[in-house]
Amino acid sequence: MAAKFETAIIAERIDLTAELAIFRIAPAAKLDFLPGQFAALGLEVDGRILQRPYSMASAPHEPLLEFFLELVPGGLLTPRLWELRAGDRLLMGERAAGTFYLDRKTGMTAHLMLCTVTGIAPFVSMIRAHLYELERGLHDEMRFALIHGASYLREIDYYREEMAMMARQGWFDYVPTISRPLEHPDWQGETGRIEDVTRKHADALGFDHRRAIAYACGHPVMVENARAILQRARFPKIQIHTEKYFTIKLPR
């Protein structure tokens, strides 16, 4: 069955770098979704709809849908999205989809989250939703640890303050890490790729295979490397959830 689309309006756009931007979108009707799921954004071009799925960073209770997007030079859709501004219209799928959300089946209450740049979006949704529900006594407290990696500080800076503020509440640990720190001589945080620091922080925080579910989202190389690291740390496959934001085509 073909996906159905409705017209939505860009309520706000925040450019973080030339290649990264936050799009806050007002849907035509409330979109029901689980934190971590995605929705399709699209544009009609020459009589056909160009569309791609994007994870939402907003939590279900928020009125606007928030997307953290990266420009793909030469791509079919994002260069066209980059031409849009607040007040412009685009298409959005009527339904959310995806299975990348909090695993509650195991009964474990610790969640280890690993991501690169825009891969933080589903985790922001999960963490915002948990805080909202926790403040209203809708469920018991869980523990979260989020390791957010990028090459440069500017690529993770937007969500860093929000995540650091939440981390002061005790149930959440946030570790931003950059792999090219020479551009930021004042940076006193973690350095290295996700793969370099995962075991160090997971072990120190007590997020091991006996207590935690692990998630990895973003760049496919990181996702596969993280999966291997977690498996070596004795995480069974059932406790590892992944979502790759694109695929790398190997030369034939």
C-alpha atoms as a PDB file:
ATOM      1  CA  MET A   1       0.000   0.000   0.000  1.00  0.00           C
ATOM      2  CA  ALA A   2       1.401   3.383  -1.008  1.00  0.00           C
ATOM      3  CA  ALA A   3       2.190   5.812   1.761  1.00  0.00           C
ATOM      4  CA  LYS A   4      -0.239   8.679   2.219  1.00  0.00           C
ATOM      5  CA  PHE A   5       0.993  12.228   2.665  1.00  0.00           C
ATOM      6  CA  GLU A   6      -0.448  15.437   4.027  1.00  0.00           C
ATOM      7  CA  THR A   7       0.753  19.000   3.699  1.00  0.00           C
ATOM      8  CA  ALA A   8       2.714  20.297   6.704  1.00  0.00           C
ATOM      9  CA  ILE A   9       4.245  23.683   7.456  1.00  0.00           C
ATOM     10  CA  ILE A  10       7.774  24.477   8.569  1.00  0.00           C
ATOM     11  CA  ALA A  11       7.179  26.434  11.777  1.00  0.00           C
ATOM     12  CA  GLU A  12      10.845  27.071  12.502  1.00  0.00           C
ATOM     13  CA  ARG A  13      14.212  26.346  10.972  1.00  0.00           C
ATOM     14  CA  ILE A  14      17.508  26.657  12.862  1.00  0.00           C
ATOM     15  CA  ASP A  15      20.710  26.387  10.854  1.00  0.00           C
ATOM     16  CA  LEU A  16      23.533  24.953  12.953  1.00  0.00           C
ATOM     17  CA  THR A  17      26.160  24.631  10.221  1.00  0.00           C
ATOM     18  CA  ALA A  18      26.046  24.736   6.427  1.00  0.00           C
ATOM     19  CA  GLU A  19      25.130  21.032   6.479  1.00  0.00           C
ATOM     20  CA  LEU A  20      23.077  20.649   9.675  1.00  0.00           C
ATOM     21  CA  ALA A  21      19.725  22.172  10.572  1.00  0.00           C
ATOM     22  CA  ILE A  22      16.768  21.747  12.900  1.00  0.00           C
ATOM     23  CA  PHE A  23      13.364  21.739  11.213  1.00  0.00           C
ATOM     24  CA  ARG A  24      10.315  22.144  13.453  1.00  0.00           C
ATOM     25  CA  ILE A  25       7.206  21.173  11.559  1.00  0.00           C
ATOM     26  CA  ALA A  26       3.515  21.728  12.250  1.00  0.00           C
ATOM     27  CA  PRO A  27       1.627  18.693  10.932  1.00  0.00           C
ATOM     28  CA  ALA A  28      -1.824  18.925   9.423  1.00  0.00           C
ATOM     29  CA  ALA A  29      -3.079  16.569  12.152  1.00  0.00           C
ATOM     30  CA  LYS A  30      -1.556  15.224  15.350  1.00  0.00           C
ATOM     31  CA  LEU A  31       0.861  12.401  14.604  1.00  0.00           C
ATOM     32  CA  ASP A  32       0.796   9.494  17.041  1.00  0.00           C
ATOM     33  CA  PHE A  33       4.180   7.842  17.485  1.00  0.00           C
ATOM     34  CA  LEU A  34       6.454   6.082  19.922  1.00  0.00           C
ATOM     35  CA  PRO A  35       9.619   7.946  20.930  1.00  0.00           C
ATOM     36  CA  GLY A  36      12.319   6.783  18.524  1.00  0.00           C
ATOM     37  CA  GLN A  37      10.104   6.265  15.496  1.00  0.00           C
ATOM     38  CA  PHE A  38      10.389   8.135  12.212  1.00  0.00           C
ATOM     39  CA  ALA A  39       8.138   9.939   9.760  1.00  0.00           C
ATOM     40  CA  ALA A  40       8.530  10.479   6.038  1.00  0.00           C
ATOM     41  CA  LEU A  41       9.192  14.006   4.782  1.00  0.00           C
ATOM     42  CA  GLY A  42       8.839  14.767   1.112  1.00  0.00           C
ATOM     43  CA  LEU A  43       8.323  17.173  -1.739  1.00  0.00           C
ATOM     44  CA  GLU A  44       6.444  16.792  -4.994  1.00  0.00           C
ATOM     45  CA  VAL A  45       8.844  17.217  -7.914  1.00  0.00           C
ATOM     46  CA  ASP A  46       7.800  16.796 -11.554  1.00  0.00           C
ATOM     47  CA  GLY A  47       4.641  14.959 -10.585  1.00  0.00           C
ATOM     48  CA  ARG A  48       6.238  12.464  -8.199  1.00  0.00           C
ATOM     49  CA  ILE A  49       6.921  12.558  -4.477  1.00  0.00           C
ATOM     50  CA  LEU A  50      10.529  12.490  -3.358  1.00  0.00           C
ATOM     51  CA  GLN A  51      10.500  11.292   0.247  1.00  0.00           C
ATOM     52  CA  ARG A  52      12.835   9.987   2.935  1.00  0.00           C
ATOM     53  CA  PRO A  53      12.269   8.743   6.506  1.00  0.00           C
ATOM     54  CA  TYR A  54      13.651  10.884   9.338  1.00  0.00           C
ATOM     55  CA  SER A  55      13.656  10.178  13.076  1.00  0.00           C
ATOM     56  CA  MET A  56      11.829  12.661  15.245  1.00  0.00           C
ATOM     57  CA  ALA A  57      13.698  14.363  18.074  1.00  0.00           C
ATOM     58  CA  SER A  58      10.470  15.689  19.573  1.00  0.00           C
ATOM     59  CA  ALA A  59       8.547  13.710  22.159  1.00  0.00           C
ATOM     60  CA  PRO A  60       4.925  12.712  21.469  1.00  0.00           C
ATOM     61  CA  HIS A  61       3.520  15.366  23.817  1.00  0.00           C
ATOM     62  CA  GLU A  62       5.184  18.269  21.971  1.00  0.00           C
ATOM     63  CA  PRO A  63       2.989  20.193  19.503  1.00  0.00           C
ATOM     64  CA  LEU A  64       5.684  20.550  16.820  1.00  0.00           C
ATOM     65  CA  LEU A  65       7.627  17.710  15.246  1.00  0.00           C
ATOM     66  CA  GLU A  66      11.367  18.283  15.462  1.00  0.00           C
ATOM     67  CA  PHE A  67      13.820  16.851  12.924  1.00  0.00           C
ATOM     68  CA  PHE A  68      17.625  17.103  12.990  1.00  0.00           C
ATOM     69  CA  LEU A  69      18.617  16.934   9.328  1.00  0.00           C
ATOM     70  CA  GLU A  70      21.899  16.726   7.463  1.00  0.00           C
ATOM     71  CA  LEU A  71      22.370  18.025   3.940  1.00  0.00           C
ATOM     72  CA  VAL A  72      23.469  15.332   1.503  1.00  0.00           C
ATOM     73  CA  PRO A  73      25.262  17.071  -1.389  1.00  0.00           C
ATOM     74  CA  GLY A  74      23.969  15.643  -4.629  1.00  0.00           C
ATOM     75  CA  GLY A  75      21.044  13.979  -2.848  1.00  0.00           C
ATOM     76  CA  LEU A  76      17.566  13.963  -4.337  1.00  0.00           C
ATOM     77  CA  LEU A  77      15.700  15.440  -1.360  1.00  0.00           C
ATOM     78  CA  THR A  78      17.835  17.297   1.185  1.00  0.00           C
ATOM     79  CA  PRO A  79      19.217  19.923  -1.260  1.00  0.00           C
ATOM     80  CA  ARG A  80      15.589  20.801  -2.006  1.00  0.00           C
ATOM     81  CA  LEU A  81      14.691  20.859   1.701  1.00  0.00           C
ATOM     82  CA  TRP A  82      17.597  23.251   2.249  1.00  0.00           C
ATOM     83  CA  GLU A  83      15.862  25.761  -0.016  1.00  0.00           C
ATOM     84  CA  LEU A  84      12.842  25.932   2.320  1.00  0.00           C
ATOM     85  CA  ARG A  85      12.326  28.423   5.111  1.00  0.00           C
ATOM     86  CA  ALA A  86       9.861  28.939   7.963  1.00  0.00           C
ATOM     87  CA  GLY A  87       6.364  29.245   6.566  1.00  0.00           C
ATOM     88  CA  ASP A  88       7.062  27.003   3.578  1.00  0.00           C
ATOM     89  CA  ARG A  89       5.124  23.815   3.013  1.00  0.00           C
ATOM     90  CA  LEU A  90       6.275  20.255   2.499  1.00  0.00           C
ATOM     91  CA  LEU A  91       4.736  16.802   2.590  1.00  0.00           C
ATOM     92  CA  MET A  92       4.729  14.497   5.583  1.00  0.00           C
ATOM     93  CA  GLY A  93       3.561  10.921   5.894  1.00  0.00           C
ATOM     94  CA  GLU A  94       0.300  10.430   7.763  1.00  0.00           C
ATOM     95  CA  ARG A  95       1.752   7.682   9.930  1.00  0.00           C
ATOM     96  CA  ALA A  96       4.939   7.168  11.918  1.00  0.00           C
ATOM     97  CA  ALA A  97       6.828   3.907  11.582  1.00  0.00           C
ATOM     98  CA  GLY A  98       9.891   2.046  12.781  1.00  0.00           C
ATOM     99  CA  THR A  99      10.836  -0.410  15.510  1.00  0.00           C
ATOM    100  CA  PHE A 100      13.699   1.597  17.039  1.00  0.00           C
ATOM    101  CA  TYR A 101      12.185   2.513  20.399  1.00  0.00           C
ATOM    102  CA  LEU A 102      12.721   1.639  24.052  1.00  0.00           C
ATOM    103  CA  ASP A 103      12.829  -2.091  24.655  1.00  0.00           C
ATOM    104  CA  ARG A 104      10.535  -2.778  27.592  1.00  0.00           C
ATOM    105  CA  LYS A 105      10.132  -6.509  26.925  1.00  0.00           C
ATOM    106  CA  THR A 106      13.234  -7.604  28.825  1.00  0.00           C
ATOM    107  CA  GLY A 107      12.276  -5.803  32.027  1.00  0.00           C
ATOM    108  CA  MET A 108      15.683  -4.098  32.154  1.00  0.00           C
ATOM    109  CA  THR A 109      15.556  -0.458  33.157  1.00  0.00           C
ATOM    110  CA  ALA A 110      19.045   0.655  32.030  1.00  0.00           C
ATOM    111  CA  HIS A 111      19.464   1.898  28.479  1.00  0.00           C
ATOM    112  CA  LEU A 112      22.865   2.542  26.848  1.00  0.00           C
ATOM    113  CA  MET A 113      22.582   4.812  23.800  1.00  0.00           C
ATOM    114  CA  LEU A 114      25.327   5.391  21.212  1.00  0.00           C
ATOM    115  CA  CYS A 115      24.988   7.832  18.331  1.00  0.00           C
ATOM    116  CA  THR A 116      26.727   9.998  15.770  1.00  0.00           C
ATOM    117  CA  VAL A 117      25.611  13.561  14.962  1.00  0.00           C
ATOM    118  CA  THR A 118      21.971  13.390  13.724  1.00  0.00           C
ATOM    119  CA  GLY A 119      21.659   9.890  15.167  1.00  0.00           C
ATOM    120  CA  ILE A 120      20.869  11.555  18.486  1.00  0.00           C
ATOM    121  CA  ALA A 121      17.341  12.410  17.288  1.00  0.00           C
ATOM    122  CA  PRO A 122      15.488   9.252  18.415  1.00  0.00           C
ATOM    123  CA  PHE A 123      17.295   9.314  21.751  1.00  0.00           C
ATOM    124  CA  VAL A 124      16.319  12.940  22.390  1.00  0.00           C
ATOM    125  CA  SER A 125      12.720  11.887  21.770  1.00  0.00           C
ATOM    126  CA  MET A 126      13.021   8.980  24.213  1.00  0.00           C
ATOM    127  CA  ILE A 127      14.691  11.061  26.919  1.00  0.00           C
ATOM    128  CA  ARG A 128      12.277  13.992  26.633  1.00  0.00           C
ATOM    129  CA  ALA A 129       9.329  11.596  26.775  1.00  0.00           C
ATOM    130  CA  HIS A 130      10.737   9.822  29.829  1.00  0.00           C
ATOM    131  CA  LEU A 131      11.232  13.108  31.673  1.00  0.00           C
ATOM    132  CA  TYR A 132       7.698  14.222  30.810  1.00  0.00           C
ATOM    133  CA  GLU A 133       6.184  10.950  32.044  1.00  0.00           C
ATOM    134  CA  LEU A 134       8.436  10.778  35.107  1.00  0.00           C
ATOM    135  CA  GLU A 135       7.374  14.247  36.240  1.00  0.00           C
ATOM    136  CA  ARG A 136       3.748  13.131  36.028  1.00  0.00           C
ATOM    137  CA  GLY A 137       4.272   9.859  37.867  1.00  0.00           C
ATOM    138  CA  LEU A 138       3.292   7.815  34.835  1.00  0.00           C
ATOM    139  CA  HIS A 139       6.042   5.227  35.331  1.00  0.00           C
ATOM    140  CA  ASP A 140       9.071   4.396  37.424  1.00  0.00           C
ATOM    141  CA  GLU A 141      12.445   5.967  36.865  1.00  0.00           C
ATOM    142  CA  MET A 142      14.801   4.320  34.389  1.00  0.00           C
ATOM    143  CA  ARG A 143      18.500   4.922  33.824  1.00  0.00           C
ATOM    144  CA  PHE A 144      19.901   6.254  30.578  1.00  0.00           C
ATOM    145  CA  ALA A 145      23.442   6.775  29.345  1.00  0.00           C
ATOM    146  CA  LEU A 146      23.965   8.610  26.062  1.00  0.00           C
ATOM    147  CA  ILE A 147      27.305   8.825  24.243  1.00  0.00           C
ATOM    148  CA  HIS A 148      27.098  11.322  21.383  1.00  0.00           C
ATOM    149  CA  GLY A 149      30.025  11.461  18.995  1.00  0.00           C
ATOM    150  CA  ALA A 150      31.081  13.667  16.102  1.00  0.00           C
ATOM    151  CA  SER A 151      34.192  14.961  14.405  1.00  0.00           C
ATOM    152  CA  TYR A 152      33.664  18.564  15.525  1.00  0.00           C
ATOM    153  CA  LEU A 153      32.001  20.228  18.497  1.00  0.00           C
ATOM    154  CA  ARG A 154      29.709  22.300  16.275  1.00  0.00           C
ATOM    155  CA  GLU A 155      28.076  19.075  15.085  1.00  0.00           C
ATOM    156  CA  ILE A 156      26.811  18.138  18.551  1.00  0.00           C
ATOM    157  CA  ASP A 157      26.559  21.540  20.210  1.00  0.00           C
ATOM    158  CA  TYR A 158      22.840  22.145  19.698  1.00  0.00           C
ATOM    159  CA  TYR A 159      21.583  19.372  21.978  1.00  0.00           C
ATOM    160  CA  ARG A 160      24.559  19.411  24.322  1.00  0.00           C
ATOM    161  CA  GLU A 161      23.173  21.992  26.767  1.00  0.00           C
ATOM    162  CA  GLU A 162      19.763  20.340  26.970  1.00  0.00           C
ATOM    163  CA  MET A 163      21.259  16.899  27.548  1.00  0.00           C
ATOM    164  CA  ALA A 164      23.758  18.219  30.109  1.00  0.00           C
ATOM    165  CA  MET A 165      20.903  19.886  32.030  1.00  0.00           C
ATOM    166  CA  MET A 166      18.913  16.654  32.125  1.00  0.00           C
ATOM    167  CA  ALA A 167      22.013  14.781  33.260  1.00  0.00           C
ATOM    168  CA  ARG A 168      21.952  16.777  36.515  1.00  0.00           C
ATOM    169  CA  GLN A 169      18.807  14.939  37.599  1.00  0.00           C
ATOM    170  CA  GLY A 170      20.612  11.706  38.398  1.00  0.00           C
ATOM    171  CA  TRP A 171      18.854   9.181  36.160  1.00  0.00           C
ATOM    172  CA  PHE A 172      20.701  10.209  33.005  1.00  0.00           C
ATOM    173  CA  ASP A 173      24.409  10.304  32.070  1.00  0.00           C
ATOM    174  CA  TYR A 174      25.516  12.239  29.001  1.00  0.00           C
ATOM    175  CA  VAL A 175      28.931  11.912  27.349  1.00  0.00           C
ATOM    176  CA  PRO A 176      29.661  14.088  24.297  1.00  0.00           C
ATOM    177  CA  THR A 177      32.865  13.171  22.475  1.00  0.00           C
ATOM    178  CA  ILE A 178      34.687  14.685  19.486  1.00  0.00           C
ATOM    179  CA  SER A 179      37.312  12.951  17.395  1.00  0.00           C
ATOM    180  CA  ARG A 180      39.024  16.119  16.089  1.00  0.00           C
ATOM    181  CA  PRO A 181      39.589  18.241  19.192  1.00  0.00           C
ATOM    182  CA  LEU A 182      42.474  20.350  17.828  1.00  0.00           C
ATOM    183  CA  GLU A 183      39.953  22.887  16.489  1.00  0.00           C
ATOM    184  CA  HIS A 184      38.664  23.344  20.036  1.00  0.00           C
ATOM    185  CA  PRO A 185      41.642  23.978  22.343  1.00  0.00           C
ATOM    186  CA  ASP A 186      39.312  24.856  25.241  1.00  0.00           C
ATOM    187  CA  TRP A 187      37.379  21.582  25.008  1.00  0.00           C
ATOM    188  CA  GLN A 188      37.706  19.633  28.252  1.00  0.00           C
ATOM    189  CA  GLY A 189      35.308  16.816  27.442  1.00  0.00           C
ATOM    190  CA  GLU A 190      35.870  13.354  26.056  1.00  0.00           C
ATOM    191  CA  THR A 191      37.842  12.902  22.833  1.00  0.00           C
ATOM    192  CA  GLY A 192      37.780  10.031  20.386  1.00  0.00           C
ATOM    193  CA  ARG A 193      35.228   8.163  18.361  1.00  0.00           C
ATOM    194  CA  ILE A 194      32.239   6.366  19.861  1.00  0.00           C
ATOM    195  CA  GLU A 195      34.099   3.090  19.418  1.00  0.00           C
ATOM    196  CA  ASP A 196      37.040   4.440  21.451  1.00  0.00           C
ATOM    197  CA  VAL A 197      35.075   5.446  24.535  1.00  0.00           C
ATOM    198  CA  THR A 198      32.060   3.135  24.757  1.00  0.00           C
ATOM    199  CA  ARG A 199      33.569   0.445  26.977  1.00  0.00           C
ATOM    200  CA  LYS A 200      35.238   3.005  29.238  1.00  0.00           C
ATOM    201  CA  HIS A 201      31.994   4.787  30.085  1.00  0.00           C
ATOM    202  CA  ALA A 202      29.647   1.805  29.938  1.00  0.00           C
ATOM    203  CA  ASP A 203      31.806  -0.071  32.429  1.00  0.00           C
ATOM    204  CA  ALA A 204      32.266   2.948  34.703  1.00  0.00           C
ATOM    205  CA  LEU A 205      28.518   3.641  34.783  1.00  0.00           C
ATOM    206  CA  GLY A 206      27.509   0.016  35.272  1.00  0.00           C
ATOM    207  CA  PHE A 207      25.751  -0.409  31.927  1.00  0.00           C
ATOM    208  CA  ASP A 208      26.818  -3.984  31.257  1.00  0.00           C
ATOM    209  CA  HIS A 209      25.081  -6.961  29.638  1.00  0.00           C
ATOM    210  CA  ARG A 210      23.509  -8.013  32.939  1.00  0.00           C
ATOM    211  CA  ARG A 211      21.706  -4.723  33.447  1.00  0.00           C
ATOM    212  CA  ALA A 212      21.313  -2.831  30.180  1.00  0.00           C
ATOM    213  CA  ILE A 213      19.789  -2.747  26.742  1.00  0.00           C
ATOM    214  CA  ALA A 214      22.096  -1.144  24.157  1.00  0.00           C
ATOM    215  CA  TYR A 215      21.176   0.987  21.149  1.00  0.00           C
ATOM    216  CA  ALA A 216      23.306   2.414  18.323  1.00  0.00           C
ATOM    217  CA  CYS A 217      22.063   4.911  15.765  1.00  0.00           C
ATOM    218  CA  GLY A 218      23.607   6.942  12.950  1.00  0.00           C
ATOM    219  CA  HIS A 219      26.598   6.304  10.719  1.00  0.00           C
ATOM    220  CA  PRO A 220      26.636   2.662   9.527  1.00  0.00           C
ATOM    221  CA  VAL A 221      30.334   2.145  10.266  1.00  0.00           C
ATOM    222  CA  MET A 222      29.876   3.270  13.859  1.00  0.00           C
ATOM    223  CA  VAL A 223      26.766   1.114  14.191  1.00  0.00           C
ATOM    224  CA  GLU A 224      28.567  -2.021  13.043  1.00  0.00           C
ATOM    225  CA  ASN A 225      31.658  -1.284  15.129  1.00  0.00           C
ATOM    226  CA  ALA A 226      29.488  -0.625  18.182  1.00  0.00           C
ATOM    227  CA  ARG A 227      27.621  -3.866  17.629  1.00  0.00           C
ATOM    228  CA  ALA A 228      30.917  -5.784  17.593  1.00  0.00           C
ATOM    229  CA  ILE A 229      32.136  -4.023  20.752  1.00  0.00           C
ATOM    230  CA  LEU A 230      28.894  -4.803  22.570  1.00  0.00           C
ATOM    231  CA  GLN A 231      28.959  -8.434  21.502  1.00  0.00           C
ATOM    232  CA  ARG A 232      32.526  -8.763  22.770  1.00  0.00           C
ATOM    233  CA  ALA A 233      31.245  -7.291  26.039  1.00  0.00           C
ATOM    234  CA  ARG A 234      28.790 -10.232  26.150  1.00  0.00           C
ATOM    235  CA  PHE A 235      25.661  -8.347  25.170  1.00  0.00           C
ATOM    236  CA  PRO A 236      23.389 -10.919  23.507  1.00  0.00           C
ATOM    237  CA  LYS A 237      21.890  -9.977  20.147  1.00  0.00           C
ATOM    238  CA  ILE A 238      18.460  -9.574  21.716  1.00  0.00           C
ATOM    239  CA  GLN A 239      19.843  -6.723  23.867  1.00  0.00           C
ATOM    240  CA  ILE A 240      21.350  -4.757  20.969  1.00  0.00           C
ATOM    241  CA  HIS A 241      19.125  -2.519  18.827  1.00  0.00           C
ATOM    242  CA  THR A 242      20.502  -0.594  15.857  1.00  0.00           C
ATOM    243  CA  GLU A 243      19.382   1.875  13.234  1.00  0.00           C
ATOM    244  CA  LYS A 244      21.582   2.951  10.327  1.00  0.00           C
ATOM    245  CA  TYR A 245      20.793   6.305   8.746  1.00  0.00           C
ATOM    246  CA  PHE A 246      22.116   5.290   5.342  1.00  0.00           C
ATOM    247  CA  THR A 247      23.948   2.474   3.624  1.00  0.00           C
ATOM    248  CA  ILE A 248      27.425   2.553   2.151  1.00  0.00           C
ATOM    249  CA  LYS A 249      27.675   1.165  -1.342  1.00  0.00           C
ATOM    250  CA  LEU A 250      30.748  -0.963  -1.705  1.00  0.00           C
ATOM    251  CA  PRO A 251      32.658  -0.951  -5.025  1.00  0.00           C
ATOM    252  CA  ARG A 252      31.798  -3.844  -7.277  1.00  0.00           C
END
